[in-house]
Amino acid sequence: MRTNHGAVGPPGGSFSREPPAIATDGKRRVVFMNPAAARLLGVRQKDVLGSELRSVLSPEALDTLARSAILRIPGAVPRAERTVYILDSVTVSCPLSRREYEIVALLTQGYAALNIAARLNLSHATVRNHIQNALRRVEVHSQVEIVALALRHGWVDRREPRWKATPAAGHRSVVEKMAADV
């Protein structure tokens, strides 16, 4: 019979159904991240360990996480305290700020920065700054990459592009009207 000496978890060592979890110290630095959390966040464990939690999660996810601590273990000194968080896909949402998300969502619908500026009543420079900040935050280099990333990770809904909409019945296109006039 096989035993599971020293290991914590189900017999046989199968951890495939473990919930994604992160543990932090008293200064909110990541001291533990299980493989499920690394997959959910799309990061490598060794890159995250020792970094501050706010550099790993979006501000919105941090706000949700602050209200959902699963286990807080006090220590003799504040740095020795450990807090364990169980993550879910709602907690780990889009890493962009609300405005960056709004602009990226419009980019995925095919709008250009100038159109986005007019739609959101912002200056063109402000929209470009938000786009650059979003690119920097998710570590990509182009608008095409951030659109692909947003669609791949489900940050925005996949919709048919607005330019593929069929004209309403009874309305003729400009070309049809010109052909009829000839």
N, C-alpha and C. Protein backbone atom coordinates (compact mmCIF):
# COMPACT_ATOMS: atom_id res chain seq x y z
N MET A 1 0.83 -1.18 0.00
CA MET A 1 0.00 0.00 0.00
C MET A 1 0.88 1.25 0.00
N ARG A 2 0.50 2.21 -0.79
CA ARG A 2 1.28 3.43 -0.92
C ARG A 2 0.87 4.41 0.17
N THR A 3 1.85 5.03 0.82
CA THR A 3 1.54 6.02 1.85
C THR A 3 1.95 7.40 1.36
N ASN A 4 1.45 8.37 2.01
CA ASN A 4 1.70 9.75 1.63
C ASN A 4 2.42 10.46 2.77
N HIS A 5 3.65 10.04 3.07
CA HIS A 5 4.40 10.58 4.20
C HIS A 5 4.77 12.04 3.99
N GLY A 6 4.43 12.85 4.96
CA GLY A 6 4.86 14.24 4.95
C GLY A 6 4.11 15.14 4.00
N ALA A 7 3.26 14.60 3.15
CA ALA A 7 2.53 15.44 2.20
C ALA A 7 1.16 15.78 2.75
N VAL A 8 0.73 16.96 2.44
CA VAL A 8 -0.60 17.38 2.83
C VAL A 8 -1.46 17.33 1.58
N GLY A 9 -2.58 16.67 1.65
CA GLY A 9 -3.47 16.61 0.51
C GLY A 9 -4.09 15.24 0.40
N PRO A 10 -4.75 14.98 -0.69
CA PRO A 10 -5.42 13.70 -0.87
C PRO A 10 -4.43 12.56 -1.04
N PRO A 11 -4.83 11.34 -0.69
CA PRO A 11 -3.94 10.18 -0.85
C PRO A 11 -3.51 10.07 -2.31
N GLY A 12 -2.28 9.66 -2.52
CA GLY A 12 -1.76 9.50 -3.87
C GLY A 12 -1.15 10.78 -4.41
N GLY A 13 -1.31 11.88 -3.70
CA GLY A 13 -0.67 13.12 -4.09
C GLY A 13 -1.33 13.84 -5.26
N SER A 14 -2.59 13.58 -5.56
CA SER A 14 -3.26 14.26 -6.66
C SER A 14 -3.76 15.62 -6.21
N PHE A 15 -3.18 16.68 -6.77
CA PHE A 15 -3.54 18.03 -6.41
C PHE A 15 -4.27 18.74 -7.55
N SER A 16 -4.79 17.98 -8.52
CA SER A 16 -5.37 18.59 -9.70
C SER A 16 -6.64 19.39 -9.40
N ARG A 17 -7.31 19.11 -8.29
CA ARG A 17 -8.55 19.82 -7.98
C ARG A 17 -8.39 20.80 -6.82
N GLU A 18 -7.17 21.13 -6.50
CA GLU A 18 -6.96 22.08 -5.42
C GLU A 18 -7.43 23.47 -5.84
N PRO A 19 -7.99 24.23 -4.91
CA PRO A 19 -8.40 25.59 -5.28
C PRO A 19 -7.18 26.50 -5.40
N PRO A 20 -7.24 27.48 -6.28
CA PRO A 20 -6.12 28.41 -6.40
C PRO A 20 -5.95 29.20 -5.11
N ALA A 21 -4.74 29.23 -4.56
CA ALA A 21 -4.51 29.90 -3.28
C ALA A 21 -3.20 30.67 -3.29
N ILE A 22 -3.22 31.79 -2.56
CA ILE A 22 -2.03 32.62 -2.36
C ILE A 22 -1.92 32.90 -0.88
N ALA A 23 -0.70 32.90 -0.34
CA ALA A 23 -0.47 33.29 1.05
C ALA A 23 0.48 34.48 1.06
N THR A 24 0.20 35.41 1.97
CA THR A 24 1.04 36.60 2.09
C THR A 24 1.53 36.74 3.52
N ASP A 25 2.60 37.53 3.68
CA ASP A 25 3.10 37.83 5.02
C ASP A 25 2.44 39.11 5.52
N GLY A 26 2.89 39.61 6.65
CA GLY A 26 2.31 40.81 7.25
C GLY A 26 2.47 42.06 6.42
N LYS A 27 3.41 42.07 5.50
CA LYS A 27 3.60 43.22 4.61
C LYS A 27 2.96 42.99 3.24
N ARG A 28 2.11 41.98 3.16
CA ARG A 28 1.37 41.63 1.95
C ARG A 28 2.28 41.25 0.78
N ARG A 29 3.40 40.61 1.12
CA ARG A 29 4.26 40.05 0.09
C ARG A 29 3.88 38.59 -0.08
N VAL A 30 3.89 38.11 -1.30
CA VAL A 30 3.51 36.73 -1.60
C VAL A 30 4.59 35.79 -1.08
N VAL A 31 4.20 34.88 -0.18
CA VAL A 31 5.14 33.89 0.36
C VAL A 31 4.83 32.49 -0.15
N PHE A 32 3.63 32.31 -0.72
CA PHE A 32 3.24 31.01 -1.27
C PHE A 32 2.21 31.22 -2.36
N MET A 33 2.33 30.44 -3.41
CA MET A 33 1.33 30.40 -4.47
C MET A 33 1.31 28.98 -5.01
N ASN A 34 0.14 28.36 -5.02
CA ASN A 34 0.07 27.00 -5.54
C ASN A 34 -0.04 27.01 -7.06
N PRO A 35 0.19 25.88 -7.71
CA PRO A 35 0.15 25.83 -9.18
C PRO A 35 -1.19 26.25 -9.77
N ALA A 36 -2.28 25.95 -9.08
CA ALA A 36 -3.60 26.35 -9.60
C ALA A 36 -3.73 27.87 -9.65
N ALA A 37 -3.21 28.57 -8.65
CA ALA A 37 -3.24 30.04 -8.65
C ALA A 37 -2.33 30.59 -9.74
N ALA A 38 -1.19 29.97 -9.95
CA ALA A 38 -0.27 30.42 -11.00
C ALA A 38 -0.93 30.28 -12.37
N ARG A 39 -1.66 29.18 -12.59
CA ARG A 39 -2.36 29.00 -13.86
C ARG A 39 -3.46 30.04 -14.02
N LEU A 40 -4.23 30.28 -12.97
CA LEU A 40 -5.33 31.23 -13.03
C LEU A 40 -4.84 32.64 -13.31
N LEU A 41 -3.72 33.02 -12.70
CA LEU A 41 -3.17 34.36 -12.87
C LEU A 41 -2.30 34.48 -14.13
N GLY A 42 -1.89 33.34 -14.68
CA GLY A 42 -1.04 33.37 -15.86
C GLY A 42 0.38 33.82 -15.55
N VAL A 43 0.88 33.46 -14.37
CA VAL A 43 2.24 33.84 -13.97
C VAL A 43 2.99 32.59 -13.53
N ARG A 44 4.31 32.74 -13.37
CA ARG A 44 5.12 31.65 -12.83
C ARG A 44 5.33 31.91 -11.35
N GLN A 45 5.28 30.85 -10.56
CA GLN A 45 5.42 30.97 -9.11
C GLN A 45 6.72 31.68 -8.74
N LYS A 46 7.82 31.28 -9.34
CA LYS A 46 9.11 31.85 -8.95
C LYS A 46 9.20 33.34 -9.27
N ASP A 47 8.42 33.82 -10.24
CA ASP A 47 8.43 35.25 -10.56
C ASP A 47 7.62 36.08 -9.56
N VAL A 48 6.69 35.45 -8.88
CA VAL A 48 5.77 36.16 -8.00
C VAL A 48 6.21 36.12 -6.54
N LEU A 49 6.84 35.06 -6.12
CA LEU A 49 7.23 34.92 -4.71
C LEU A 49 8.12 36.09 -4.28
N GLY A 50 7.75 36.70 -3.16
CA GLY A 50 8.50 37.83 -2.63
C GLY A 50 8.00 39.18 -3.12
N SER A 51 7.18 39.19 -4.17
CA SER A 51 6.66 40.47 -4.67
C SER A 51 5.40 40.86 -3.90
N GLU A 52 5.07 42.13 -3.96
CA GLU A 52 3.88 42.61 -3.25
C GLU A 52 2.63 42.11 -3.96
N LEU A 53 1.60 41.83 -3.18
CA LEU A 53 0.36 41.29 -3.71
C LEU A 53 -0.26 42.24 -4.73
N ARG A 54 -0.12 43.55 -4.52
CA ARG A 54 -0.73 44.51 -5.45
C ARG A 54 -0.07 44.50 -6.82
N SER A 55 1.14 43.96 -6.93
CA SER A 55 1.78 43.86 -8.24
C SER A 55 1.32 42.61 -8.98
N VAL A 56 0.65 41.69 -8.27
CA VAL A 56 0.19 40.45 -8.87
C VAL A 56 -1.28 40.56 -9.29
N LEU A 57 -2.10 41.25 -8.49
CA LEU A 57 -3.53 41.36 -8.74
C LEU A 57 -3.94 42.78 -9.07
N SER A 58 -5.04 42.93 -9.78
CA SER A 58 -5.57 44.25 -10.10
C SER A 58 -6.13 44.90 -8.84
N PRO A 59 -6.29 46.23 -8.83
CA PRO A 59 -6.86 46.91 -7.67
C PRO A 59 -8.26 46.40 -7.30
N GLU A 60 -9.08 46.10 -8.32
CA GLU A 60 -10.42 45.58 -8.06
C GLU A 60 -10.35 44.19 -7.41
N ALA A 61 -9.43 43.35 -7.90
CA ALA A 61 -9.27 42.02 -7.32
C ALA A 61 -8.75 42.12 -5.89
N LEU A 62 -7.86 43.08 -5.62
CA LEU A 62 -7.36 43.28 -4.26
C LEU A 62 -8.49 43.69 -3.32
N ASP A 63 -9.38 44.56 -3.81
CA ASP A 63 -10.50 44.99 -3.00
C ASP A 63 -11.41 43.81 -2.65
N THR A 64 -11.68 42.96 -3.64
CA THR A 64 -12.49 41.77 -3.40
C THR A 64 -11.76 40.82 -2.46
N LEU A 65 -10.47 40.67 -2.67
CA LEU A 65 -9.66 39.76 -1.88
C LEU A 65 -9.60 40.18 -0.41
N ALA A 66 -9.55 41.49 -0.15
CA ALA A 66 -9.47 41.99 1.23
C ALA A 66 -10.69 41.57 2.04
N ARG A 67 -11.81 41.38 1.37
CA ARG A 67 -13.03 40.97 2.07
C ARG A 67 -13.19 39.46 2.13
N SER A 68 -12.26 38.71 1.49
CA SER A 68 -12.46 37.27 1.40
C SER A 68 -11.28 36.46 1.91
N ALA A 69 -10.56 36.96 2.91
CA ALA A 69 -9.46 36.20 3.47
C ALA A 69 -10.02 34.92 4.10
N ILE A 70 -9.43 33.82 3.76
CA ILE A 70 -9.91 32.55 4.26
C ILE A 70 -9.29 32.22 5.61
N LEU A 71 -8.02 32.52 5.77
CA LEU A 71 -7.33 32.16 7.00
C LEU A 71 -6.29 33.21 7.31
N ARG A 72 -6.34 33.77 8.51
CA ARG A 72 -5.34 34.73 8.94
C ARG A 72 -4.64 34.13 10.16
N ILE A 73 -3.34 33.95 10.05
CA ILE A 73 -2.56 33.34 11.12
C ILE A 73 -1.67 34.41 11.74
N PRO A 74 -1.97 34.84 12.97
CA PRO A 74 -1.14 35.89 13.58
C PRO A 74 0.25 35.37 13.91
N GLY A 75 1.20 36.28 13.92
CA GLY A 75 2.57 35.93 14.25
C GLY A 75 3.05 36.74 15.44
N ALA A 76 4.23 36.43 15.93
CA ALA A 76 4.80 37.14 17.07
C ALA A 76 5.09 38.59 16.71
N VAL A 77 5.47 38.83 15.48
CA VAL A 77 5.69 40.18 14.98
C VAL A 77 4.82 40.35 13.72
N PRO A 78 4.50 41.58 13.33
CA PRO A 78 3.63 41.77 12.18
C PRO A 78 4.11 41.08 10.90
N ARG A 79 5.43 41.02 10.69
CA ARG A 79 5.92 40.36 9.47
C ARG A 79 5.68 38.86 9.49
N ALA A 80 5.50 38.27 10.66
CA ALA A 80 5.32 36.83 10.75
C ALA A 80 3.87 36.42 10.48
N GLU A 81 2.96 37.38 10.42
CA GLU A 81 1.56 37.05 10.14
C GLU A 81 1.43 36.47 8.73
N ARG A 82 0.56 35.48 8.58
CA ARG A 82 0.29 34.89 7.27
C ARG A 82 -1.20 34.99 6.99
N THR A 83 -1.54 35.35 5.77
CA THR A 83 -2.92 35.39 5.34
C THR A 83 -3.03 34.54 4.09
N VAL A 84 -3.98 33.62 4.09
CA VAL A 84 -4.18 32.72 2.96
C VAL A 84 -5.46 33.12 2.25
N TYR A 85 -5.39 33.30 0.94
CA TYR A 85 -6.53 33.68 0.12
C TYR A 85 -6.84 32.55 -0.86
N ILE A 86 -8.11 32.26 -1.01
CA ILE A 86 -8.56 31.32 -2.03
C ILE A 86 -9.10 32.18 -3.18
N LEU A 87 -8.58 31.96 -4.37
CA LEU A 87 -8.94 32.77 -5.52
C LEU A 87 -10.01 32.09 -6.36
N ASP A 88 -10.75 32.87 -7.09
CA ASP A 88 -11.64 32.35 -8.10
C ASP A 88 -11.59 33.28 -9.30
N SER A 89 -12.23 32.90 -10.38
CA SER A 89 -12.14 33.70 -11.60
C SER A 89 -12.80 35.06 -11.45
N VAL A 90 -13.74 35.20 -10.51
CA VAL A 90 -14.36 36.50 -10.27
C VAL A 90 -13.37 37.41 -9.54
N THR A 91 -12.63 36.84 -8.58
CA THR A 91 -11.64 37.61 -7.84
C THR A 91 -10.52 38.07 -8.76
N VAL A 92 -10.07 37.17 -9.60
CA VAL A 92 -8.97 37.49 -10.51
C VAL A 92 -9.57 37.90 -11.84
N SER A 93 -10.00 39.11 -11.90
CA SER A 93 -10.60 39.60 -13.13
C SER A 93 -9.55 40.31 -13.96
N CYS A 94 -10.00 41.14 -14.80
CA CYS A 94 -9.12 41.89 -15.67
C CYS A 94 -8.15 42.74 -14.85
N PRO A 95 -6.86 42.72 -15.18
CA PRO A 95 -5.88 43.49 -14.41
C PRO A 95 -5.88 44.99 -14.73
N LEU A 96 -6.73 45.41 -15.63
CA LEU A 96 -6.76 46.82 -16.04
C LEU A 96 -7.63 47.64 -15.11
N SER A 97 -7.38 48.93 -15.07
CA SER A 97 -8.26 49.83 -14.33
C SER A 97 -9.60 49.91 -15.05
N ARG A 98 -10.58 50.48 -14.41
CA ARG A 98 -11.91 50.57 -15.01
C ARG A 98 -11.87 51.33 -16.34
N ARG A 99 -11.19 52.45 -16.40
CA ARG A 99 -11.13 53.26 -17.62
C ARG A 99 -10.33 52.54 -18.70
N GLU A 100 -9.21 51.89 -18.31
CA GLU A 100 -8.43 51.13 -19.28
C GLU A 100 -9.26 49.99 -19.86
N TYR A 101 -10.01 49.32 -18.99
CA TYR A 101 -10.88 48.24 -19.44
C TYR A 101 -11.91 48.76 -20.45
N GLU A 102 -12.51 49.88 -20.13
CA GLU A 102 -13.52 50.47 -21.00
C GLU A 102 -12.93 50.78 -22.38
N ILE A 103 -11.74 51.31 -22.41
CA ILE A 103 -11.08 51.66 -23.67
C ILE A 103 -10.68 50.40 -24.44
N VAL A 104 -10.15 49.40 -23.75
CA VAL A 104 -9.78 48.15 -24.42
C VAL A 104 -11.03 47.45 -24.97
N ALA A 105 -12.13 47.51 -24.24
CA ALA A 105 -13.38 46.92 -24.73
C ALA A 105 -13.81 47.59 -26.03
N LEU A 106 -13.65 48.90 -26.10
CA LEU A 106 -13.99 49.62 -27.34
C LEU A 106 -13.00 49.29 -28.46
N LEU A 107 -11.73 49.09 -28.11
CA LEU A 107 -10.76 48.66 -29.12
C LEU A 107 -11.15 47.30 -29.71
N THR A 108 -11.63 46.40 -28.86
CA THR A 108 -12.02 45.07 -29.36
C THR A 108 -13.24 45.15 -30.27
N GLN A 109 -14.01 46.22 -30.15
CA GLN A 109 -15.17 46.40 -31.03
C GLN A 109 -14.79 47.10 -32.33
N GLY A 110 -13.52 47.47 -32.48
CA GLY A 110 -13.04 48.04 -33.72
C GLY A 110 -12.92 49.56 -33.73
N TYR A 111 -13.16 50.20 -32.61
CA TYR A 111 -13.03 51.66 -32.55
C TYR A 111 -11.56 52.06 -32.52
N ALA A 112 -11.25 53.18 -33.15
CA ALA A 112 -9.91 53.76 -33.09
C ALA A 112 -9.86 54.73 -31.91
N ALA A 113 -8.65 55.12 -31.52
CA ALA A 113 -8.48 56.00 -30.36
C ALA A 113 -9.24 57.31 -30.51
N LEU A 114 -9.27 57.86 -31.70
CA LEU A 114 -9.98 59.12 -31.93
C LEU A 114 -11.48 58.95 -31.74
N ASN A 115 -12.02 57.82 -32.22
CA ASN A 115 -13.44 57.53 -32.04
C ASN A 115 -13.78 57.28 -30.57
N ILE A 116 -12.88 56.60 -29.87
CA ILE A 116 -13.07 56.34 -28.45
C ILE A 116 -13.10 57.64 -27.67
N ALA A 117 -12.18 58.54 -28.02
CA ALA A 117 -12.13 59.85 -27.36
C ALA A 117 -13.45 60.59 -27.52
N ALA A 118 -13.99 60.60 -28.72
CA ALA A 118 -15.27 61.28 -28.96
C ALA A 118 -16.40 60.59 -28.21
N ARG A 119 -16.39 59.28 -28.20
CA ARG A 119 -17.46 58.52 -27.55
C ARG A 119 -17.46 58.71 -26.03
N LEU A 120 -16.26 58.76 -25.43
CA LEU A 120 -16.14 58.88 -23.97
C LEU A 120 -15.97 60.32 -23.50
N ASN A 121 -15.98 61.25 -24.45
CA ASN A 121 -15.82 62.67 -24.12
C ASN A 121 -14.49 62.93 -23.42
N LEU A 122 -13.43 62.36 -23.99
CA LEU A 122 -12.07 62.54 -23.49
C LEU A 122 -11.22 63.11 -24.62
N SER A 123 -10.07 63.63 -24.27
CA SER A 123 -9.17 64.09 -25.32
C SER A 123 -8.49 62.87 -25.94
N HIS A 124 -8.05 63.06 -27.18
CA HIS A 124 -7.35 62.00 -27.89
C HIS A 124 -6.09 61.60 -27.14
N ALA A 125 -5.37 62.57 -26.59
CA ALA A 125 -4.14 62.29 -25.83
C ALA A 125 -4.43 61.45 -24.59
N THR A 126 -5.53 61.73 -23.92
CA THR A 126 -5.90 60.96 -22.72
C THR A 126 -6.17 59.51 -23.09
N VAL A 127 -6.89 59.29 -24.16
CA VAL A 127 -7.19 57.92 -24.60
C VAL A 127 -5.89 57.20 -24.96
N ARG A 128 -5.00 57.87 -25.69
CA ARG A 128 -3.71 57.26 -26.04
C ARG A 128 -2.92 56.92 -24.78
N ASN A 129 -2.95 57.79 -23.76
CA ASN A 129 -2.26 57.51 -22.50
C ASN A 129 -2.84 56.29 -21.81
N HIS A 130 -4.17 56.18 -21.79
CA HIS A 130 -4.80 55.00 -21.18
C HIS A 130 -4.41 53.73 -21.94
N ILE A 131 -4.36 53.82 -23.25
CA ILE A 131 -3.97 52.65 -24.04
C ILE A 131 -2.53 52.26 -23.72
N GLN A 132 -1.63 53.25 -23.66
CA GLN A 132 -0.22 52.96 -23.33
C GLN A 132 -0.08 52.36 -21.94
N ASN A 133 -0.84 52.90 -20.98
CA ASN A 133 -0.80 52.35 -19.61
C ASN A 133 -1.30 50.92 -19.59
N ALA A 134 -2.36 50.63 -20.33
CA ALA A 134 -2.90 49.27 -20.39
C ALA A 134 -1.88 48.33 -21.03
N LEU A 135 -1.23 48.78 -22.10
CA LEU A 135 -0.21 47.95 -22.75
C LEU A 135 0.92 47.63 -21.78
N ARG A 136 1.35 48.64 -21.04
CA ARG A 136 2.43 48.47 -20.08
C ARG A 136 2.00 47.52 -18.95
N ARG A 137 0.77 47.68 -18.49
CA ARG A 137 0.29 46.88 -17.36
C ARG A 137 0.24 45.38 -17.68
N VAL A 138 -0.17 45.05 -18.90
CA VAL A 138 -0.25 43.63 -19.26
C VAL A 138 0.95 43.15 -20.06
N GLU A 139 1.94 44.03 -20.21
CA GLU A 139 3.23 43.70 -20.81
C GLU A 139 3.10 43.19 -22.25
N VAL A 140 2.36 43.96 -23.05
CA VAL A 140 2.31 43.72 -24.48
C VAL A 140 2.74 44.99 -25.19
N HIS A 141 2.95 44.91 -26.50
CA HIS A 141 3.54 46.03 -27.23
C HIS A 141 2.63 46.70 -28.24
N SER A 142 1.46 46.14 -28.52
CA SER A 142 0.61 46.75 -29.52
C SER A 142 -0.86 46.60 -29.15
N GLN A 143 -1.68 47.40 -29.82
CA GLN A 143 -3.12 47.33 -29.59
C GLN A 143 -3.68 45.99 -30.05
N VAL A 144 -3.11 45.43 -31.10
CA VAL A 144 -3.56 44.13 -31.58
C VAL A 144 -3.32 43.07 -30.50
N GLU A 145 -2.16 43.12 -29.86
CA GLU A 145 -1.85 42.15 -28.82
C GLU A 145 -2.79 42.28 -27.63
N ILE A 146 -3.11 43.51 -27.21
CA ILE A 146 -3.98 43.66 -26.04
C ILE A 146 -5.40 43.25 -26.37
N VAL A 147 -5.84 43.48 -27.61
CA VAL A 147 -7.17 43.02 -28.02
C VAL A 147 -7.22 41.50 -28.00
N ALA A 148 -6.19 40.86 -28.55
CA ALA A 148 -6.14 39.40 -28.55
C ALA A 148 -6.11 38.85 -27.13
N LEU A 149 -5.34 39.48 -26.27
CA LEU A 149 -5.25 39.06 -24.87
C LEU A 149 -6.59 39.21 -24.16
N ALA A 150 -7.25 40.34 -24.38
CA ALA A 150 -8.55 40.59 -23.75
C ALA A 150 -9.59 39.56 -24.20
N LEU A 151 -9.58 39.22 -25.47
CA LEU A 151 -10.52 38.22 -25.98
C LEU A 151 -10.17 36.83 -25.47
N ARG A 152 -8.87 36.50 -25.47
CA ARG A 152 -8.43 35.17 -25.03
C ARG A 152 -8.75 34.91 -23.56
N HIS A 153 -8.57 35.94 -22.72
CA HIS A 153 -8.79 35.77 -21.28
C HIS A 153 -10.23 36.04 -20.86
N GLY A 154 -11.07 36.42 -21.81
CA GLY A 154 -12.48 36.64 -21.49
C GLY A 154 -12.75 37.94 -20.75
N TRP A 155 -11.84 38.91 -20.86
CA TRP A 155 -12.08 40.20 -20.20
C TRP A 155 -13.21 40.95 -20.86
N VAL A 156 -13.40 40.72 -22.14
CA VAL A 156 -14.48 41.35 -22.89
C VAL A 156 -15.26 40.26 -23.61
N ASP A 157 -16.50 40.55 -23.94
CA ASP A 157 -17.33 39.60 -24.65
C ASP A 157 -16.96 39.57 -26.12
N ARG A 158 -17.03 38.40 -26.69
CA ARG A 158 -16.82 38.29 -28.14
C ARG A 158 -18.13 38.65 -28.81
N ARG A 159 -18.08 39.64 -29.65
CA ARG A 159 -19.26 40.06 -30.40
C ARG A 159 -18.88 40.17 -31.86
N GLU A 160 -19.90 40.14 -32.68
CA GLU A 160 -19.66 40.40 -34.09
C GLU A 160 -19.23 41.85 -34.23
N PRO A 161 -18.25 42.14 -35.05
CA PRO A 161 -17.84 43.53 -35.25
C PRO A 161 -19.01 44.35 -35.78
N ARG A 162 -19.07 45.60 -35.39
CA ARG A 162 -20.20 46.45 -35.73
C ARG A 162 -20.31 46.68 -37.23
N TRP A 163 -19.22 46.54 -37.98
CA TRP A 163 -19.27 46.81 -39.41
C TRP A 163 -19.83 45.63 -40.20
N LYS A 164 -20.10 44.50 -39.55
CA LYS A 164 -20.70 43.36 -40.24
C LYS A 164 -22.21 43.34 -40.09
N ALA A 165 -22.77 44.36 -39.47
CA ALA A 165 -24.21 44.41 -39.29
C ALA A 165 -24.88 44.57 -40.65
N THR A 166 -25.97 43.84 -40.85
CA THR A 166 -26.69 43.94 -42.11
C THR A 166 -27.64 45.12 -42.05
N PRO A 167 -27.87 45.79 -43.17
CA PRO A 167 -28.78 46.93 -43.15
C PRO A 167 -30.20 46.48 -42.84
N ALA A 168 -30.96 47.36 -42.22
CA ALA A 168 -32.34 47.05 -41.88
C ALA A 168 -33.15 46.85 -43.15
N ALA A 169 -34.17 46.02 -43.09
CA ALA A 169 -35.02 45.75 -44.24
C ALA A 169 -35.70 47.03 -44.69
N GLY A 170 -35.79 47.22 -45.97
CA GLY A 170 -36.46 48.42 -46.49
C GLY A 170 -35.50 49.57 -46.74
N HIS A 171 -34.30 49.52 -46.22
CA HIS A 171 -33.33 50.57 -46.46
C HIS A 171 -32.39 50.14 -47.57
N ARG A 172 -32.20 51.00 -48.51
CA ARG A 172 -31.29 50.68 -49.60
C ARG A 172 -29.94 51.34 -49.34
N SER A 173 -28.89 50.67 -49.76
CA SER A 173 -27.56 51.25 -49.60
C SER A 173 -27.36 52.38 -50.60
N VAL A 174 -26.35 53.17 -50.41
CA VAL A 174 -26.03 54.28 -51.30
C VAL A 174 -25.76 53.76 -52.70
N VAL A 175 -25.07 52.63 -52.82
CA VAL A 175 -24.76 52.05 -54.12
C VAL A 175 -26.05 51.64 -54.83
N GLU A 176 -26.98 51.02 -54.08
CA GLU A 176 -28.25 50.61 -54.68
C GLU A 176 -29.04 51.83 -55.17
N LYS A 177 -29.03 52.92 -54.40
CA LYS A 177 -29.75 54.14 -54.79
C LYS A 177 -29.13 54.73 -56.04
N MET A 178 -27.77 54.74 -56.09
CA MET A 178 -27.11 55.29 -57.28
C MET A 178 -27.41 54.44 -58.50
N ALA A 179 -27.44 53.13 -58.34
CA ALA A 179 -27.74 52.24 -59.47
C ALA A 179 -29.16 52.43 -59.95
N ALA A 180 -30.08 52.68 -59.03
CA ALA A 180 -31.49 52.89 -59.41
C ALA A 180 -31.68 54.21 -60.13
N ASP A 181 -30.88 55.22 -59.80
CA ASP A 181 -31.01 56.53 -60.42
C ASP A 181 -30.47 56.56 -61.85
N VAL A 182 -29.59 55.61 -62.20
CA VAL A 182 -28.97 55.62 -63.51
C VAL A 182 -29.87 55.08 -64.54
